[in-house]
């Protein structure tokens, strides 16, 4: 039971970190593609 709970928590944490990394990557890519030179 404890192992299953730990695995679920780790999976949720990994998905959260992945979403965060993807969001940061998208923002960085957009900022690099379209620099604010106006």
PDB file of N, CA and C in Angstrom:
ATOM      1  N   UNK A   1       0.844  -1.196   0.000  1.00  0.00           N
ATOM      2  CA  UNK A   1       0.000   0.000   0.000  1.00  0.00           C
ATOM      3  C   UNK A   1       0.881   1.248   0.000  1.00  0.00           C
ATOM      4  N   UNK A   2       1.877   1.246   0.875  1.00  0.00           N
ATOM      5  CA  UNK A   2       2.767   2.407   0.946  1.00  0.00           C
ATOM      6  C   UNK A   2       3.536   2.613  -0.352  1.00  0.00           C
ATOM      7  N   UNK A   3       3.957   1.492  -0.957  1.00  0.00           N
ATOM      8  CA  UNK A   3       4.717   1.595  -2.206  1.00  0.00           C
ATOM      9  C   UNK A   3       3.845   2.175  -3.313  1.00  0.00           C
ATOM     10  N   UNK A   4       2.590   1.740  -3.350  1.00  0.00           N
ATOM     11  CA  UNK A   4       1.670   2.230  -4.376  1.00  0.00           C
ATOM     12  C   UNK A   4       1.434   3.727  -4.199  1.00  0.00           C
ATOM     13  N   UNK A   5       1.273   4.142  -2.953  1.00  0.00           N
ATOM     14  CA  UNK A   5       1.059   5.565  -2.670  1.00  0.00           C
ATOM     15  C   UNK A   5       2.281   6.372  -3.090  1.00  0.00           C
ATOM     16  N   UNK A   6       3.473   5.841  -2.772  1.00  0.00           N
ATOM     17  CA  UNK A   6       4.710   6.532  -3.123  1.00  0.00           C
ATOM     18  C   UNK A   6       4.852   6.630  -4.640  1.00  0.00           C
ATOM     19  N   UNK A   7       4.533   5.548  -5.335  1.00  0.00           N
ATOM     20  CA  UNK A   7       4.628   5.541  -6.797  1.00  0.00           C
ATOM     21  C   UNK A   7       3.658   6.555  -7.404  1.00  0.00           C
ATOM     22  N   UNK A   8       2.460   6.616  -6.847  1.00  0.00           N
ATOM     23  CA  UNK A   8       1.460   7.566  -7.347  1.00  0.00           C
ATOM     24  C   UNK A   8       1.926   8.994  -7.130  1.00  0.00           C
ATOM     25  N   UNK A   9       2.493   9.254  -5.948  1.00  0.00           N
ATOM     26  CA  UNK A   9       2.979  10.596  -5.632  1.00  0.00           C
ATOM     27  C   UNK A   9       4.122  10.977  -6.569  1.00  0.00           C
ATOM     28  N   UNK A  10       5.040  10.043  -6.809  1.00  0.00           N
ATOM     29  CA  UNK A  10       6.170  10.323  -7.694  1.00  0.00           C
ATOM     30  C   UNK A  10       5.693  10.562  -9.124  1.00  0.00           C
ATOM     31  N   UNK A  11       4.702   9.797  -9.559  1.00  0.00           N
ATOM     32  CA  UNK A  11       4.166   9.974 -10.911  1.00  0.00           C
ATOM     33  C   UNK A  11       3.518  11.343 -11.055  1.00  0.00           C
ATOM     34  N   UNK A  12       2.737  11.723 -10.055  1.00  0.00           N
ATOM     35  CA  UNK A  12       2.084  13.033 -10.088  1.00  0.00           C
ATOM     36  C   UNK A  12       3.109  14.148 -10.092  1.00  0.00           C
ATOM     37  N   UNK A  13       4.153  13.994  -9.270  1.00  0.00           N
ATOM     38  CA  UNK A  13       5.197  15.015  -9.193  1.00  0.00           C
ATOM     39  C   UNK A  13       5.938  15.116 -10.522  1.00  0.00           C
ATOM     40  N   UNK A  14       6.217  13.971 -11.129  1.00  0.00           N
ATOM     41  CA  UNK A  14       6.928  13.962 -12.415  1.00  0.00           C
ATOM     42  C   UNK A  14       6.093  14.656 -13.493  1.00  0.00           C
ATOM     43  N   UNK A  15       4.792  14.367 -13.512  1.00  0.00           N
ATOM     44  CA  UNK A  15       3.916  15.005 -14.501  1.00  0.00           C
ATOM     45  C   UNK A  15       3.854  16.504 -14.272  1.00  0.00           C
ATOM     46  N   UNK A  16       3.815  16.899 -13.007  1.00  0.00           N
ATOM     47  CA  UNK A  16       3.763  18.329 -12.688  1.00  0.00           C
ATOM     48  C   UNK A  16       5.034  19.021 -13.157  1.00  0.00           C
ATOM     49  N   UNK A  17       6.184  18.394 -12.872  1.00  0.00           N
ATOM     50  CA  UNK A  17       7.461  18.976 -13.286  1.00  0.00           C
ATOM     51  C   UNK A  17       7.563  19.022 -14.805  1.00  0.00           C
ATOM     52  N   UNK A  18       7.049  17.984 -15.467  1.00  0.00           N
ATOM     53  CA  UNK A  18       7.095  17.938 -16.928  1.00  0.00           C
ATOM     54  C   UNK A  18       6.266  19.072 -17.524  1.00  0.00           C
ATOM     55  N   UNK A  19       5.068  19.275 -16.964  1.00  0.00           N
ATOM     56  CA  UNK A  19       4.208  20.364 -17.455  1.00  0.00           C
ATOM     57  C   UNK A  19       4.881  21.714 -17.242  1.00  0.00           C
ATOM     58  N   UNK A  20       5.518  21.866 -16.078  1.00  0.00           N
ATOM     59  CA  UNK A  20       6.198  23.127 -15.774  1.00  0.00           C
ATOM     60  C   UNK A  20       7.350  23.353 -16.751  1.00  0.00           C
ATOM     61  N   UNK A  21       8.119  22.296 -17.012  1.00  0.00           N
ATOM     62  CA  UNK A  21       9.254  22.409 -17.927  1.00  0.00           C
ATOM     63  C   UNK A  21       8.777  22.749 -19.339  1.00  0.00           C
ATOM     64  N   UNK A  22       7.678  22.127 -19.759  1.00  0.00           N
ATOM     65  CA  UNK A  22       7.142  22.402 -21.094  1.00  0.00           C
ATOM     66  C   UNK A  22       6.656  23.844 -21.198  1.00  0.00           C
ATOM     67  N   UNK A  23       6.021  24.328 -20.120  1.00  0.00           N
ATOM     68  CA  UNK A  23       5.528  25.707 -20.127  1.00  0.00           C
ATOM     69  C   UNK A  23       6.683  26.688 -20.213  1.00  0.00           C
ATOM     70  N   UNK A  24       7.722  26.459 -19.369  1.00  0.00           N
ATOM     71  CA  UNK A  24       8.894  27.344 -19.379  1.00  0.00           C
ATOM     72  C   UNK A  24       9.581  27.292 -20.741  1.00  0.00           C
ATOM     73  N   UNK A  25       9.676  26.084 -21.318  1.00  0.00           N
ATOM     74  CA  UNK A  25      10.311  25.917 -22.623  1.00  0.00           C
ATOM     75  C   UNK A  25       9.555  26.667 -23.711  1.00  0.00           C
ATOM     76  N   UNK A  26       8.221  26.585 -23.659  1.00  0.00           N
ATOM     77  CA  UNK A  26       7.400  27.270 -24.656  1.00  0.00           C
ATOM     78  C   UNK A  26       7.558  28.783 -24.529  1.00  0.00           C
ATOM     79  N   UNK A  27       7.549  29.289 -23.298  1.00  0.00           N
ATOM     80  CA  UNK A  27       7.711  30.729 -23.075  1.00  0.00           C
ATOM     81  C   UNK A  27       9.080  31.196 -23.549  1.00  0.00           C
ATOM     82  N   UNK A  28      10.111  30.413 -23.224  1.00  0.00           N
ATOM     83  CA  UNK A  28      11.470  30.780 -23.625  1.00  0.00           C
ATOM     84  C   UNK A  28      11.605  30.754 -25.145  1.00  0.00           C
ATOM     85  N   UNK A  29      11.007  29.743 -25.777  1.00  0.00           N
ATOM     86  CA  UNK A  29      11.070  29.621 -27.230  1.00  0.00           C
ATOM     87  C   UNK A  29      10.349  30.791 -27.894  1.00  0.00           C
ATOM     88  N   UNK A  30       9.187  31.143 -27.367  1.00  0.00           N
ATOM     89  CA  UNK A  30       8.422  32.262 -27.934  1.00  0.00           C
ATOM     90  C   UNK A  30       9.197  33.564 -27.769  1.00  0.00           C
ATOM     91  N   UNK A  31       9.830  33.726 -26.614  1.00  0.00           N
ATOM     92  CA  UNK A  31      10.586  34.956 -26.359  1.00  0.00           C
ATOM     93  C   UNK A  31      11.817  35.020 -27.264  1.00  0.00           C
ATOM     94  N   UNK A  32      12.413  33.855 -27.553  1.00  0.00           N
ATOM     95  CA  UNK A  32      13.605  33.824 -28.400  1.00  0.00           C
ATOM     96  C   UNK A  32      13.226  34.029 -29.871  1.00  0.00           C
ATOM     97  N   UNK A  33      12.096  33.461 -30.262  1.00  0.00           N
ATOM     98  CA  UNK A  33      11.651  33.583 -31.646  1.00  0.00           C
ATOM     99  C   UNK A  33      11.203  35.003 -31.956  1.00  0.00           C
ATOM    100  N   UNK A  34      10.501  35.605 -31.010  1.00  0.00           N
ATOM    101  CA  UNK A  34      10.020  36.969 -31.222  1.00  0.00           C
ATOM    102  C   UNK A  34      10.589  37.907 -30.164  1.00  0.00           C
ATOM    103  N   UNK A  35      11.819  38.353 -30.335  1.00  0.00           N
ATOM    104  CA  UNK A  35      12.436  39.260 -29.361  1.00  0.00           C
ATOM    105  C   UNK A  35      11.737  40.611 -29.351  1.00  0.00           C
ATOM    106  N   UNK A  36      11.691  41.221 -28.173  1.00  0.00           N
ATOM    107  CA  UNK A  36      11.008  42.513 -28.064  1.00  0.00           C
ATOM    108  C   UNK A  36      11.945  43.625 -28.526  1.00  0.00           C
ATOM    109  N   UNK A  37      11.935  43.878 -29.835  1.00  0.00           N
ATOM    110  CA  UNK A  37      12.808  44.922 -30.382  1.00  0.00           C
ATOM    111  C   UNK A  37      11.990  46.116 -30.847  1.00  0.00           C
ATOM    112  N   UNK A  38      10.745  46.184 -30.424  1.00  0.00           N
ATOM    113  CA  UNK A  38       9.884  47.296 -30.829  1.00  0.00           C
ATOM    114  C   UNK A  38      10.034  48.427 -29.827  1.00  0.00           C
TER     115      UNK A  38
END
